[in-house]
Amino acid sequence: MDLRITSSTIPPMPGSTGAAGRAASGKVAPTDTGKVEGGFSTALKGALQSVSAAQNEATRLQQEVQMENPSVSLEETMVAIQKAQIGFQSVMHVRNRMVQAYTDIMNMQV
């Protein structure tokens, strides 16, 4: 489970040379429709998919241990369960922070 944003998730800017061009400009290239590619929503979606995959893997390993499959160890299963739990808790913290930020913005006086 990898919750970090990698350079492969951020598209290069037109006329730039990969990561060096992105680092120098600090911006992400907009598309023709005005949407920003590789932004927060893309990173969040990737993180959610990663957490979901970790949970699915932990469930699969649990079922294999329960069926007494000799190729699956209990230690491996417990590590997978802990990874899935930590990932889920991280997603919940991000969600709670986003809801709090939304509430704070909505309560601002204009």
C-alpha atoms as a PDB file:
ATOM      1  CA  MET A   1       0.000   0.000   0.000  1.00  0.00           C
ATOM      2  CA  ASP A   2       1.582   3.201  -1.179  1.00  0.00           C
ATOM      3  CA  LEU A   3      -0.109   6.481  -0.309  1.00  0.00           C
ATOM      4  CA  ARG A   4       2.659   8.707  -1.619  1.00  0.00           C
ATOM      5  CA  ILE A   5       2.299  10.814  -4.747  1.00  0.00           C
ATOM      6  CA  THR A   6       4.822   9.631  -7.286  1.00  0.00           C
ATOM      7  CA  SER A   7       6.130  11.492 -10.289  1.00  0.00           C
ATOM      8  CA  SER A   8       4.227   9.105 -12.563  1.00  0.00           C
ATOM      9  CA  THR A   9       0.888  10.449 -11.260  1.00  0.00           C
ATOM     10  CA  ILE A  10       1.658  14.027 -12.331  1.00  0.00           C
ATOM     11  CA  PRO A  11       1.740  14.682 -16.091  1.00  0.00           C
ATOM     12  CA  PRO A  12       4.605  16.781 -17.519  1.00  0.00           C
ATOM     13  CA  MET A  13       3.958  20.364 -18.562  1.00  0.00           C
ATOM     14  CA  PRO A  14       4.039  21.172 -22.254  1.00  0.00           C
ATOM     15  CA  GLY A  15       7.581  22.138 -23.184  1.00  0.00           C
ATOM     16  CA  SER A  16       9.069  20.830 -19.924  1.00  0.00           C
ATOM     17  CA  THR A  17      11.491  17.974 -19.455  1.00  0.00           C
ATOM     18  CA  GLY A  18       9.708  15.762 -16.942  1.00  0.00           C
ATOM     19  CA  ALA A  19      10.234  16.140 -13.195  1.00  0.00           C
ATOM     20  CA  ALA A  20      12.786  18.937 -13.566  1.00  0.00           C
ATOM     21  CA  GLY A  21      10.257  21.072 -15.458  1.00  0.00           C
ATOM     22  CA  ARG A  22       7.541  20.407 -12.879  1.00  0.00           C
ATOM     23  CA  ALA A  23       9.858  21.169  -9.973  1.00  0.00           C
ATOM     24  CA  ALA A  24      10.947  24.441 -11.527  1.00  0.00           C
ATOM     25  CA  SER A  25       7.445  25.674 -12.265  1.00  0.00           C
ATOM     26  CA  GLY A  26       5.596  24.214  -9.271  1.00  0.00           C
ATOM     27  CA  LYS A  27       2.416  23.924 -11.366  1.00  0.00           C
ATOM     28  CA  VAL A  28       0.503  21.130 -13.023  1.00  0.00           C
ATOM     29  CA  ALA A  29      -0.456  21.457 -16.699  1.00  0.00           C
ATOM     30  CA  PRO A  30      -4.119  22.293 -17.378  1.00  0.00           C
ATOM     31  CA  THR A  31      -5.918  20.419 -20.142  1.00  0.00           C
ATOM     32  CA  ASP A  32      -7.911  21.947 -22.977  1.00  0.00           C
ATOM     33  CA  THR A  33     -11.112  21.660 -20.919  1.00  0.00           C
ATOM     34  CA  GLY A  34      -9.679  23.724 -18.060  1.00  0.00           C
ATOM     35  CA  LYS A  35      -9.442  20.797 -15.642  1.00  0.00           C
ATOM     36  CA  VAL A  36      -6.152  20.148 -13.876  1.00  0.00           C
ATOM     37  CA  GLU A  37      -4.688  16.692 -14.405  1.00  0.00           C
ATOM     38  CA  GLY A  38      -2.891  14.897 -11.622  1.00  0.00           C
ATOM     39  CA  GLY A  39      -4.298  17.072  -8.865  1.00  0.00           C
ATOM     40  CA  PHE A  40      -5.557  16.261  -5.425  1.00  0.00           C
ATOM     41  CA  SER A  41      -8.551  14.302  -6.689  1.00  0.00           C
ATOM     42  CA  THR A  42      -6.327  11.980  -8.722  1.00  0.00           C
ATOM     43  CA  ALA A  43      -4.025  11.400  -5.753  1.00  0.00           C
ATOM     44  CA  LEU A  44      -7.002  10.779  -3.452  1.00  0.00           C
ATOM     45  CA  LYS A  45      -8.568   8.359  -5.918  1.00  0.00           C
ATOM     46  CA  GLY A  46      -5.283   6.452  -6.191  1.00  0.00           C
ATOM     47  CA  ALA A  47      -4.949   6.309  -2.413  1.00  0.00           C
ATOM     48  CA  LEU A  48      -8.514   5.015  -2.041  1.00  0.00           C
ATOM     49  CA  GLN A  49      -7.889   2.342  -4.658  1.00  0.00           C
ATOM     50  CA  SER A  50      -4.678   1.346  -2.875  1.00  0.00           C
ATOM     51  CA  VAL A  51      -6.466   1.046   0.482  1.00  0.00           C
ATOM     52  CA  SER A  52      -9.258  -0.951  -1.131  1.00  0.00           C
ATOM     53  CA  ALA A  53      -6.729  -3.318  -2.713  1.00  0.00           C
ATOM     54  CA  ALA A  54      -4.982  -3.761   0.645  1.00  0.00           C
ATOM     55  CA  GLN A  55      -8.306  -4.580   2.317  1.00  0.00           C
ATOM     56  CA  ASN A  56      -9.184  -7.073  -0.411  1.00  0.00           C
ATOM     57  CA  GLU A  57      -5.779  -8.734  -0.070  1.00  0.00           C
ATOM     58  CA  ALA A  58      -6.148  -8.953   3.716  1.00  0.00           C
ATOM     59  CA  THR A  59      -9.590 -10.532   3.324  1.00  0.00           C
ATOM     60  CA  ARG A  60      -8.249 -13.045   0.818  1.00  0.00           C
ATOM     61  CA  LEU A  61      -5.370 -13.992   3.129  1.00  0.00           C
ATOM     62  CA  GLN A  62      -7.779 -14.357   6.068  1.00  0.00           C
ATOM     63  CA  GLN A  63      -9.902 -16.762   4.065  1.00  0.00           C
ATOM     64  CA  GLU A  64      -6.823 -18.756   3.034  1.00  0.00           C
ATOM     65  CA  VAL A  65      -5.697 -19.062   6.669  1.00  0.00           C
ATOM     66  CA  GLN A  66      -9.179 -20.117   7.744  1.00  0.00           C
ATOM     67  CA  MET A  67      -9.126 -22.856   5.080  1.00  0.00           C
ATOM     68  CA  GLU A  68      -5.736 -23.933   6.481  1.00  0.00           C
ATOM     69  CA  ASN A  69      -3.818 -23.288   3.286  1.00  0.00           C
ATOM     70  CA  PRO A  70      -0.198 -24.252   4.116  1.00  0.00           C
ATOM     71  CA  SER A  71       1.266 -21.704   1.663  1.00  0.00           C
ATOM     72  CA  VAL A  72      -0.182 -18.728   3.602  1.00  0.00           C
ATOM     73  CA  SER A  73       1.363 -17.893   6.949  1.00  0.00           C
ATOM     74  CA  LEU A  74      -0.448 -16.343   9.869  1.00  0.00           C
ATOM     75  CA  GLU A  75       2.279 -13.684  10.178  1.00  0.00           C
ATOM     76  CA  GLU A  76       1.810 -12.613   6.557  1.00  0.00           C
ATOM     77  CA  THR A  77      -1.925 -12.388   7.115  1.00  0.00           C
ATOM     78  CA  MET A  78      -1.574 -10.306  10.279  1.00  0.00           C
ATOM     79  CA  VAL A  79       0.792  -7.869   8.549  1.00  0.00           C
ATOM     80  CA  ALA A  80      -1.664  -7.491   5.648  1.00  0.00           C
ATOM     81  CA  ILE A  81      -4.516  -6.854   8.094  1.00  0.00           C
ATOM     82  CA  GLN A  82      -2.490  -4.183   9.917  1.00  0.00           C
ATOM     83  CA  LYS A  83      -1.539  -2.482   6.637  1.00  0.00           C
ATOM     84  CA  ALA A  84      -5.187  -2.400   5.590  1.00  0.00           C
ATOM     85  CA  GLN A  85      -6.228  -1.033   8.988  1.00  0.00           C
ATOM     86  CA  ILE A  86      -3.605   1.722   8.957  1.00  0.00           C
ATOM     87  CA  GLY A  87      -4.549   2.682   5.409  1.00  0.00           C
ATOM     88  CA  PHE A  88      -8.224   2.839   6.324  1.00  0.00           C
ATOM     89  CA  GLN A  89      -7.489   4.993   9.373  1.00  0.00           C
ATOM     90  CA  SER A  90      -5.418   7.336   7.208  1.00  0.00           C
ATOM     91  CA  VAL A  91      -8.265   7.702   4.728  1.00  0.00           C
ATOM     92  CA  MET A  92     -10.684   8.416   7.565  1.00  0.00           C
ATOM     93  CA  HIS A  93      -8.390  11.141   8.927  1.00  0.00           C
ATOM     94  CA  VAL A  94      -8.157  12.764   5.488  1.00  0.00           C
ATOM     95  CA  ARG A  95     -11.932  12.593   5.109  1.00  0.00           C
ATOM     96  CA  ASN A  96     -12.483  14.147   8.538  1.00  0.00           C
ATOM     97  CA  ARG A  97     -10.026  16.950   7.759  1.00  0.00           C
ATOM     98  CA  MET A  98     -11.753  17.631   4.438  1.00  0.00           C
ATOM     99  CA  VAL A  99     -15.171  17.790   6.104  1.00  0.00           C
ATOM    100  CA  GLN A 100     -13.796  20.125   8.774  1.00  0.00           C
ATOM    101  CA  ALA A 101     -12.220  22.371   6.108  1.00  0.00           C
ATOM    102  CA  TYR A 102     -15.508  22.458   4.179  1.00  0.00           C
ATOM    103  CA  THR A 103     -17.404  23.339   7.356  1.00  0.00           C
ATOM    104  CA  ASP A 104     -14.915  26.100   8.189  1.00  0.00           C
ATOM    105  CA  ILE A 105     -15.211  27.584   4.693  1.00  0.00           C
ATOM    106  CA  MET A 106     -18.998  27.447   4.778  1.00  0.00           C
ATOM    107  CA  ASN A 107     -19.042  29.223   8.155  1.00  0.00           C
ATOM    108  CA  MET A 108     -16.838  32.099   6.948  1.00  0.00           C
ATOM    109  CA  GLN A 109     -18.482  35.476   6.699  1.00  0.00           C
ATOM    110  CA  VAL A 110     -18.220  37.168   3.336  1.00  0.00           C
END
